Amino acid sequence: MVAISTDFIATLNHWSKELNAEFPIASDHDRKVTKLYGVLNEPVGIANRTTFVVDTEGNIVSVHEDRDAIDVSGALAACTRIKKK
């Protein structure tokens, strides 16, 4: 699992410690990734809260938005359905 945010790396380091995150949080401060995934709200310059589950071949197999993106249980369940090669 990897989280991506449009915040600066220093902010992400703070939140990683605050949340005791067991996964890396990467900065997309230039907004390239969030724009590619279609979740960038360009007028305000932030990404809509979205969780993508991507399989080992790079295919998006599940998308969770808004409140569902905050609760990671749906994404974790989707991960268990991915077949390992």
N, C-alpha and C. Protein backbone atom coordinates (compact mmCIF):
# COMPACT_ATOMS: atom_id res chain seq x y z
N MET A 1 0.84 -1.16 0.00
CA MET A 1 0.00 0.00 0.00
C MET A 1 0.90 1.23 0.00
N VAL A 2 0.50 2.20 -0.80
CA VAL A 2 1.19 3.49 -0.88
C VAL A 2 0.11 4.57 -0.92
N ALA A 3 0.29 5.60 -0.14
CA ALA A 3 -0.61 6.75 -0.19
C ALA A 3 0.07 7.85 -0.98
N ILE A 4 -0.73 8.62 -1.71
CA ILE A 4 -0.20 9.75 -2.48
C ILE A 4 -1.05 10.97 -2.12
N SER A 5 -0.39 12.07 -1.83
CA SER A 5 -1.07 13.30 -1.45
C SER A 5 -0.44 14.47 -2.18
N THR A 6 -1.22 15.53 -2.36
CA THR A 6 -0.68 16.74 -3.01
C THR A 6 0.05 17.63 -2.02
N ASP A 7 0.12 17.23 -0.75
CA ASP A 7 0.84 18.01 0.26
C ASP A 7 2.36 17.91 0.08
N PHE A 8 3.06 18.86 0.69
CA PHE A 8 4.52 18.83 0.72
C PHE A 8 5.00 17.63 1.53
N ILE A 9 6.19 17.15 1.25
CA ILE A 9 6.75 15.98 1.93
C ILE A 9 6.87 16.22 3.44
N ALA A 10 7.20 17.43 3.87
CA ALA A 10 7.31 17.71 5.32
C ALA A 10 5.96 17.51 6.01
N THR A 11 4.89 17.94 5.38
CA THR A 11 3.54 17.75 5.92
C THR A 11 3.20 16.26 5.98
N LEU A 12 3.57 15.55 4.93
CA LEU A 12 3.28 14.12 4.88
C LEU A 12 4.06 13.36 5.94
N ASN A 13 5.29 13.76 6.18
CA ASN A 13 6.08 13.13 7.24
C ASN A 13 5.41 13.32 8.60
N HIS A 14 4.89 14.51 8.83
CA HIS A 14 4.17 14.79 10.08
C HIS A 14 2.96 13.86 10.21
N TRP A 15 2.14 13.78 9.16
CA TRP A 15 0.93 12.96 9.23
C TRP A 15 1.25 11.48 9.32
N SER A 16 2.31 11.06 8.69
CA SER A 16 2.72 9.66 8.77
C SER A 16 3.02 9.27 10.22
N LYS A 17 3.74 10.14 10.91
CA LYS A 17 4.05 9.88 12.33
C LYS A 17 2.80 9.98 13.19
N GLU A 18 2.00 11.00 12.94
CA GLU A 18 0.78 11.23 13.72
C GLU A 18 -0.19 10.04 13.61
N LEU A 19 -0.28 9.47 12.41
CA LEU A 19 -1.21 8.37 12.16
C LEU A 19 -0.58 6.99 12.38
N ASN A 20 0.72 6.97 12.70
CA ASN A 20 1.45 5.68 12.80
C ASN A 20 1.26 4.85 11.54
N ALA A 21 1.37 5.50 10.40
CA ALA A 21 1.16 4.83 9.12
C ALA A 21 2.18 3.72 8.91
N GLU A 22 1.70 2.58 8.48
CA GLU A 22 2.56 1.44 8.21
C GLU A 22 2.84 1.30 6.71
N PHE A 23 2.69 2.39 5.99
CA PHE A 23 2.90 2.40 4.55
C PHE A 23 3.49 3.76 4.18
N PRO A 24 4.20 3.82 3.06
CA PRO A 24 4.78 5.11 2.65
C PRO A 24 3.71 6.07 2.14
N ILE A 25 3.95 7.35 2.36
CA ILE A 25 3.08 8.40 1.82
C ILE A 25 3.94 9.26 0.91
N ALA A 26 3.62 9.26 -0.37
CA ALA A 26 4.40 9.98 -1.37
C ALA A 26 3.76 11.33 -1.69
N SER A 27 4.58 12.29 -2.02
CA SER A 27 4.09 13.62 -2.37
C SER A 27 3.90 13.76 -3.88
N ASP A 28 2.73 14.24 -4.26
CA ASP A 28 2.43 14.58 -5.65
C ASP A 28 2.19 16.09 -5.71
N HIS A 29 3.15 16.82 -5.14
CA HIS A 29 2.97 18.26 -5.04
C HIS A 29 2.85 18.94 -6.41
N ASP A 30 3.42 18.32 -7.44
CA ASP A 30 3.29 18.91 -8.78
C ASP A 30 1.97 18.50 -9.47
N ARG A 31 1.19 17.68 -8.78
CA ARG A 31 -0.16 17.27 -9.20
C ARG A 31 -0.21 16.45 -10.49
N LYS A 32 0.88 15.84 -10.91
CA LYS A 32 0.89 15.04 -12.14
C LYS A 32 0.11 13.73 -11.99
N VAL A 33 0.33 13.03 -10.88
CA VAL A 33 -0.34 11.73 -10.68
C VAL A 33 -1.84 11.92 -10.48
N THR A 34 -2.21 12.87 -9.62
CA THR A 34 -3.63 13.08 -9.36
C THR A 34 -4.37 13.54 -10.62
N LYS A 35 -3.68 14.28 -11.47
CA LYS A 35 -4.30 14.70 -12.73
C LYS A 35 -4.46 13.49 -13.65
N LEU A 36 -3.43 12.64 -13.74
CA LEU A 36 -3.52 11.45 -14.59
C LEU A 36 -4.65 10.51 -14.17
N TYR A 37 -4.88 10.41 -12.87
CA TYR A 37 -5.94 9.53 -12.37
C TYR A 37 -7.32 10.21 -12.37
N GLY A 38 -7.37 11.47 -12.78
CA GLY A 38 -8.65 12.16 -12.92
C GLY A 38 -9.29 12.58 -11.61
N VAL A 39 -8.49 12.76 -10.56
CA VAL A 39 -9.05 13.13 -9.26
C VAL A 39 -8.61 14.53 -8.81
N LEU A 40 -7.90 15.24 -9.65
CA LEU A 40 -7.44 16.58 -9.29
C LEU A 40 -8.56 17.59 -9.50
N ASN A 41 -8.87 18.33 -8.46
CA ASN A 41 -9.81 19.43 -8.55
C ASN A 41 -8.97 20.66 -8.88
N GLU A 42 -8.79 20.91 -10.16
CA GLU A 42 -7.85 21.94 -10.61
C GLU A 42 -8.15 23.35 -10.10
N PRO A 43 -9.42 23.78 -10.03
CA PRO A 43 -9.66 25.15 -9.56
C PRO A 43 -9.12 25.42 -8.15
N VAL A 44 -9.13 24.39 -7.28
CA VAL A 44 -8.63 24.59 -5.92
C VAL A 44 -7.26 23.95 -5.71
N GLY A 45 -6.80 23.17 -6.67
CA GLY A 45 -5.45 22.61 -6.62
C GLY A 45 -5.25 21.44 -5.67
N ILE A 46 -6.34 20.76 -5.31
CA ILE A 46 -6.21 19.58 -4.44
C ILE A 46 -6.91 18.40 -5.09
N ALA A 47 -6.57 17.23 -4.61
CA ALA A 47 -7.17 16.01 -5.16
C ALA A 47 -8.41 15.64 -4.35
N ASN A 48 -9.41 15.11 -5.04
CA ASN A 48 -10.56 14.54 -4.35
C ASN A 48 -10.07 13.28 -3.63
N ARG A 49 -10.58 13.03 -2.44
CA ARG A 49 -10.14 11.87 -1.67
C ARG A 49 -10.61 10.61 -2.38
N THR A 50 -9.65 9.83 -2.87
CA THR A 50 -9.95 8.64 -3.63
C THR A 50 -8.91 7.56 -3.34
N THR A 51 -9.36 6.32 -3.25
CA THR A 51 -8.46 5.19 -3.08
C THR A 51 -8.60 4.28 -4.29
N PHE A 52 -7.49 3.98 -4.93
CA PHE A 52 -7.46 3.06 -6.06
C PHE A 52 -6.76 1.79 -5.61
N VAL A 53 -7.33 0.66 -5.95
CA VAL A 53 -6.64 -0.62 -5.74
C VAL A 53 -6.15 -1.05 -7.11
N VAL A 54 -4.85 -1.25 -7.22
CA VAL A 54 -4.21 -1.58 -8.49
C VAL A 54 -3.58 -2.96 -8.37
N ASP A 55 -3.86 -3.83 -9.35
CA ASP A 55 -3.31 -5.18 -9.28
C ASP A 55 -1.85 -5.21 -9.73
N THR A 56 -1.26 -6.38 -9.69
CA THR A 56 0.17 -6.52 -10.01
C THR A 56 0.49 -6.22 -11.47
N GLU A 57 -0.53 -6.15 -12.31
CA GLU A 57 -0.30 -5.83 -13.73
C GLU A 57 -0.59 -4.36 -14.04
N GLY A 58 -0.93 -3.59 -13.00
CA GLY A 58 -1.19 -2.17 -13.20
C GLY A 58 -2.63 -1.83 -13.52
N ASN A 59 -3.54 -2.79 -13.42
CA ASN A 59 -4.95 -2.54 -13.71
C ASN A 59 -5.67 -2.06 -12.45
N ILE A 60 -6.50 -1.04 -12.60
CA ILE A 60 -7.32 -0.58 -11.48
C ILE A 60 -8.45 -1.57 -11.31
N VAL A 61 -8.53 -2.18 -10.12
CA VAL A 61 -9.56 -3.20 -9.88
C VAL A 61 -10.66 -2.72 -8.94
N SER A 62 -10.43 -1.58 -8.29
CA SER A 62 -11.43 -1.06 -7.35
C SER A 62 -11.15 0.41 -7.10
N VAL A 63 -12.23 1.20 -6.98
CA VAL A 63 -12.10 2.62 -6.69
C VAL A 63 -13.04 2.96 -5.54
N HIS A 64 -12.52 3.66 -4.55
CA HIS A 64 -13.31 4.08 -3.39
C HIS A 64 -13.16 5.59 -3.28
N GLU A 65 -14.30 6.29 -3.20
CA GLU A 65 -14.27 7.75 -3.19
C GLU A 65 -14.89 8.33 -1.92
N ASP A 66 -14.51 9.56 -1.64
CA ASP A 66 -15.05 10.34 -0.53
C ASP A 66 -14.95 9.58 0.79
N ARG A 67 -16.07 9.38 1.47
CA ARG A 67 -16.08 8.73 2.77
C ARG A 67 -15.54 7.30 2.69
N ASP A 68 -15.84 6.60 1.60
CA ASP A 68 -15.35 5.23 1.42
C ASP A 68 -13.83 5.18 1.28
N ALA A 69 -13.23 6.26 0.83
CA ALA A 69 -11.77 6.31 0.68
C ALA A 69 -11.09 6.49 2.03
N ILE A 70 -11.77 7.10 2.98
CA ILE A 70 -11.20 7.31 4.30
C ILE A 70 -11.13 6.00 5.07
N ASP A 71 -12.21 5.19 4.97
CA ASP A 71 -12.25 3.88 5.63
C ASP A 71 -11.59 2.89 4.68
N VAL A 72 -10.41 2.43 5.03
CA VAL A 72 -9.63 1.58 4.12
C VAL A 72 -10.11 0.13 4.07
N SER A 73 -11.13 -0.23 4.83
CA SER A 73 -11.57 -1.63 4.87
C SER A 73 -12.03 -2.12 3.50
N GLY A 74 -12.70 -1.28 2.72
CA GLY A 74 -13.14 -1.68 1.39
C GLY A 74 -11.96 -1.93 0.46
N ALA A 75 -10.96 -1.08 0.53
CA ALA A 75 -9.76 -1.26 -0.30
C ALA A 75 -8.99 -2.50 0.13
N LEU A 76 -8.89 -2.72 1.44
CA LEU A 76 -8.20 -3.91 1.92
C LEU A 76 -8.91 -5.18 1.47
N ALA A 77 -10.24 -5.17 1.50
CA ALA A 77 -11.01 -6.33 1.03
C ALA A 77 -10.76 -6.57 -0.45
N ALA A 78 -10.70 -5.48 -1.23
CA ALA A 78 -10.42 -5.61 -2.67
C ALA A 78 -9.04 -6.20 -2.90
N CYS A 79 -8.09 -5.85 -2.05
CA CYS A 79 -6.73 -6.38 -2.19
C CYS A 79 -6.71 -7.89 -1.99
N THR A 80 -7.53 -8.39 -1.09
CA THR A 80 -7.54 -9.84 -0.83
C THR A 80 -8.09 -10.61 -2.01
N ARG A 81 -8.85 -9.94 -2.89
CA ARG A 81 -9.42 -10.61 -4.06
C ARG A 81 -8.47 -10.64 -5.25
N ILE A 82 -7.36 -9.95 -5.16
CA ILE A 82 -6.38 -9.95 -6.26
C ILE A 82 -5.62 -11.26 -6.23
N LYS A 83 -5.61 -11.92 -7.38
CA LYS A 83 -4.88 -13.18 -7.46
C LYS A 83 -3.40 -12.92 -7.60
N LYS A 84 -2.64 -13.62 -6.79
CA LYS A 84 -1.18 -13.49 -6.85
C LYS A 84 -0.64 -14.47 -7.87
N LYS A 85 0.40 -14.02 -8.56
CA LYS A 85 1.01 -14.90 -9.59
C LYS A 85 2.23 -15.56 -9.02
